[in-house]
Amino acid sequence: MEKITPRRFAIIQITSADQITPKMKTSLVELLADSVAHNYSVGFMNDSTPQDYEEFWQQEFSKTKSSNGIFLAVEGEQVLGSVIVTRESRANGKHRGEFRKLLVHSLAQKIGIGSALERAATEYARSIGLSLLFLDSATNFLVEGVYEQWGWKMSGEIPQYAKNPDGELVSTWFFYKLLNTEK
């Protein structure tokens, strides 16, 4: 993939696995592989396989009818980034959702894709009646100011919470964002 420019991407919501073309499926696998190759703590290790990544995406797309809002940044059928909002299913937490897998391919970073994905996910959360989003992150450049720029509040850090793909134990920071459900 060549370096992406700002005018060449769009944000789409995936509401069914049927929307995912074979090329999109391949680039989703590449998106996770790229994150692991850059040692980002995204739930996979260096020995994770393309099949592991594909199974992850299949599981996520199977939940689009019930609990997941999935947004992709795309150029044609090439996936450049992703974010998932998962609504809490327990009765006492249906007002909240988890903001997950904000990923942007290394060749598409610093052109606004992450910000566009965050806005789409936040608007989606509001539209389904959520009043709170939360996330955890071990990615330093996001933790060091980016989430706050987007209106997130840091609530704390847990040391040695997760492992980077290379096996190093790292701290994870937790953030929340209160959503004004009134327009």
Protein backbone atom coordinates (compact mmCIF):
# COMPACT_ATOMS: atom_id res chain seq x y z
CA MET A 1 0.00 0.00 0.00
CA GLU A 2 1.31 3.46 -0.82
CA LYS A 3 1.14 6.46 1.53
CA ILE A 4 -2.45 7.72 1.74
CA THR A 5 -3.42 11.39 1.38
CA PRO A 6 -6.30 13.06 3.28
CA ARG A 7 -8.66 13.41 0.33
CA ARG A 8 -8.61 9.71 -0.48
CA PHE A 9 -10.54 8.08 2.33
CA ALA A 10 -14.14 7.74 3.50
CA ILE A 11 -15.69 6.49 6.74
CA ILE A 12 -18.31 3.76 6.37
CA GLN A 13 -20.39 1.86 8.89
CA ILE A 14 -20.52 -1.91 8.57
CA THR A 15 -23.98 -3.22 9.40
CA SER A 16 -23.57 -6.70 7.94
CA ALA A 17 -20.74 -9.10 7.17
CA ASP A 18 -22.10 -9.16 3.62
CA GLN A 19 -20.61 -5.69 3.08
CA ILE A 20 -17.07 -7.05 3.46
CA THR A 21 -15.54 -7.88 0.11
CA PRO A 22 -12.61 -10.29 -0.22
CA LYS A 23 -10.24 -7.33 -0.71
CA MET A 24 -11.61 -5.64 2.41
CA LYS A 25 -11.19 -8.87 4.38
CA THR A 26 -7.56 -9.08 3.27
CA SER A 27 -6.88 -5.46 4.21
CA LEU A 28 -8.55 -5.91 7.62
CA VAL A 29 -6.14 -8.78 8.29
CA GLU A 30 -3.30 -6.51 7.11
CA LEU A 31 -4.50 -3.74 9.43
CA LEU A 32 -4.13 -5.99 12.49
CA ALA A 33 -0.83 -7.40 11.20
CA ASP A 34 0.49 -3.84 10.74
CA SER A 35 -0.48 -2.93 14.32
CA VAL A 36 1.25 -6.04 15.67
CA ALA A 37 4.32 -5.36 13.50
CA HIS A 38 4.55 -1.92 15.15
CA ASN A 39 4.30 -3.58 18.59
CA TYR A 40 0.95 -1.99 19.49
CA SER A 41 -0.95 -3.75 22.25
CA VAL A 42 -4.10 -4.68 20.30
CA GLY A 43 -4.83 -8.08 21.80
CA PHE A 44 -2.50 -10.13 19.60
CA MET A 45 1.07 -11.34 19.95
CA ASN A 46 3.96 -11.67 17.48
CA ASP A 47 3.07 -15.31 16.91
CA SER A 48 -0.55 -14.48 15.97
CA THR A 49 -1.46 -15.62 12.47
CA PRO A 50 -3.49 -14.16 9.63
CA GLN A 51 -6.12 -16.76 10.51
CA ASP A 52 -6.27 -15.36 14.08
CA TYR A 53 -6.86 -11.87 12.66
CA GLU A 54 -9.50 -13.10 10.21
CA GLU A 55 -11.33 -14.98 12.99
CA PHE A 56 -11.34 -11.82 15.11
CA TRP A 57 -12.99 -9.80 12.34
CA GLN A 58 -15.50 -12.55 11.56
CA GLN A 59 -16.56 -12.61 15.22
CA GLU A 60 -16.93 -8.83 15.31
CA PHE A 61 -18.97 -8.69 12.11
CA SER A 62 -21.25 -11.44 13.40
CA LYS A 63 -22.29 -9.04 16.20
CA THR A 64 -23.30 -6.07 14.03
CA LYS A 65 -26.99 -6.81 14.41
CA SER A 66 -26.86 -6.82 18.20
CA SER A 67 -24.08 -4.96 19.94
CA ASN A 68 -21.37 -3.66 17.62
CA GLY A 69 -21.13 -0.44 15.67
CA ILE A 70 -18.18 -0.98 13.33
CA PHE A 71 -16.69 1.87 11.34
CA LEU A 72 -13.97 1.57 8.73
CA ALA A 73 -11.87 4.18 6.99
CA VAL A 74 -11.60 3.03 3.40
CA GLU A 75 -10.12 4.02 0.10
CA GLY A 76 -12.19 2.02 -2.35
CA GLU A 77 -12.00 -1.48 -0.89
CA GLN A 78 -8.74 -0.89 0.99
CA VAL A 79 -9.32 -0.62 4.75
CA LEU A 80 -7.09 2.06 6.29
CA GLY A 81 -8.52 2.13 9.80
CA SER A 82 -11.19 0.82 12.14
CA VAL A 83 -13.07 1.44 15.35
CA ILE A 84 -15.74 -0.57 17.14
CA VAL A 85 -18.36 0.53 19.66
CA THR A 86 -19.80 -2.33 21.68
CA ARG A 87 -22.86 -1.66 23.81
CA GLU A 88 -22.91 -3.24 27.25
CA SER A 89 -25.49 -6.03 27.28
CA ARG A 90 -26.09 -6.29 31.03
CA ALA A 91 -29.26 -4.56 32.25
CA ASN A 92 -27.50 -2.12 34.56
CA GLY A 93 -25.07 -0.94 31.90
CA LYS A 94 -27.03 -0.54 28.69
CA HIS A 95 -26.34 3.21 28.82
CA ARG A 96 -22.63 2.64 28.16
CA GLY A 97 -20.42 1.22 25.46
CA GLU A 98 -16.82 0.28 24.94
CA PHE A 99 -14.76 2.10 22.31
CA ARG A 100 -12.44 -0.58 20.85
CA LYS A 101 -9.90 -1.32 18.14
CA LEU A 102 -9.16 2.22 17.03
CA LEU A 103 -6.54 1.22 14.47
CA VAL A 104 -5.00 3.22 11.63
CA HIS A 105 -2.57 1.59 9.21
CA SER A 106 0.96 2.98 9.60
CA LEU A 107 0.92 4.26 6.00
CA ALA A 108 -2.28 6.20 6.65
CA GLN A 109 -1.50 7.89 9.96
CA LYS A 110 -1.46 11.61 10.70
CA ILE A 111 -3.99 12.58 8.03
CA GLY A 112 -7.13 12.67 10.19
CA ILE A 113 -8.36 9.09 9.92
CA GLY A 114 -8.24 8.44 13.68
CA SER A 115 -10.11 11.67 14.39
CA ALA A 116 -12.73 10.89 11.73
CA LEU A 117 -13.23 7.39 13.13
CA GLU A 118 -13.53 8.72 16.69
CA ARG A 119 -16.17 11.26 15.59
CA ALA A 120 -18.17 8.60 13.70
CA ALA A 121 -18.08 6.20 16.64
CA THR A 122 -19.06 8.89 19.14
CA GLU A 123 -21.96 10.07 16.98
CA TYR A 124 -23.11 6.47 16.55
CA ALA A 125 -22.98 5.95 20.33
CA ARG A 126 -25.13 9.04 20.83
CA SER A 127 -27.56 7.93 18.13
CA ILE A 128 -28.23 4.61 19.88
CA GLY A 129 -28.80 6.35 23.21
CA LEU A 130 -25.49 5.75 24.96
CA SER A 131 -24.47 8.36 27.51
CA LEU A 132 -21.01 6.98 28.34
CA LEU A 133 -18.14 5.51 26.35
CA PHE A 134 -15.03 3.98 27.90
CA LEU A 135 -11.78 2.61 26.54
CA ASP A 136 -8.43 1.24 27.56
CA SER A 137 -5.21 2.00 25.75
CA ALA A 138 -1.58 1.01 26.06
CA THR A 139 -0.57 3.04 22.98
CA ASN A 140 1.55 5.90 24.28
CA PHE A 141 1.02 8.41 21.48
CA LEU A 142 -2.76 8.16 21.93
CA VAL A 143 -2.54 8.28 25.70
CA GLU A 144 -0.27 11.33 25.64
CA GLY A 145 -2.87 13.93 24.69
CA VAL A 146 -4.79 12.63 21.67
CA TYR A 147 -7.74 11.18 23.57
CA GLU A 148 -7.98 14.35 25.66
CA GLN A 149 -8.08 16.45 22.47
CA TRP A 150 -11.12 14.40 21.47
CA GLY A 151 -12.88 15.10 24.79
CA TRP A 152 -11.96 11.91 26.67
CA LYS A 153 -11.01 12.02 30.37
CA MET A 154 -8.31 9.78 31.80
CA SER A 155 -9.54 7.89 34.82
CA GLY A 156 -6.44 5.91 35.73
CA GLU A 157 -3.59 3.60 34.91
CA ILE A 158 -2.96 -0.03 35.78
CA PRO A 159 0.68 -1.11 35.52
CA GLN A 160 1.54 -4.39 33.81
CA TYR A 161 -2.06 -4.79 32.60
CA ALA A 162 -1.35 -5.99 29.07
CA LYS A 163 1.45 -7.26 26.89
CA ASN A 164 2.77 -5.71 23.72
CA PRO A 165 3.11 -8.18 20.84
CA ASP A 166 6.78 -8.68 21.78
CA GLY A 167 5.70 -9.91 25.24
CA GLU A 168 6.69 -6.82 27.27
CA LEU A 169 4.24 -6.04 30.07
CA VAL A 170 2.93 -2.48 29.74
CA SER A 171 0.67 -0.12 31.61
CA THR A 172 -2.84 0.46 30.33
CA TRP A 173 -4.71 3.72 30.76
CA PHE A 174 -8.47 3.93 31.08
CA PHE A 175 -10.53 6.77 29.64
CA TYR A 176 -14.20 7.74 29.54
CA LYS A 177 -16.31 10.18 27.59
CA LEU A 178 -19.68 11.40 28.82
CA LEU A 179 -22.01 11.92 25.88
CA ASN A 180 -24.65 14.57 25.73
CA THR A 181 -27.58 12.61 24.34
CA GLU A 182 -29.53 15.82 23.67
CA LYS A 183 -28.87 17.52 20.36
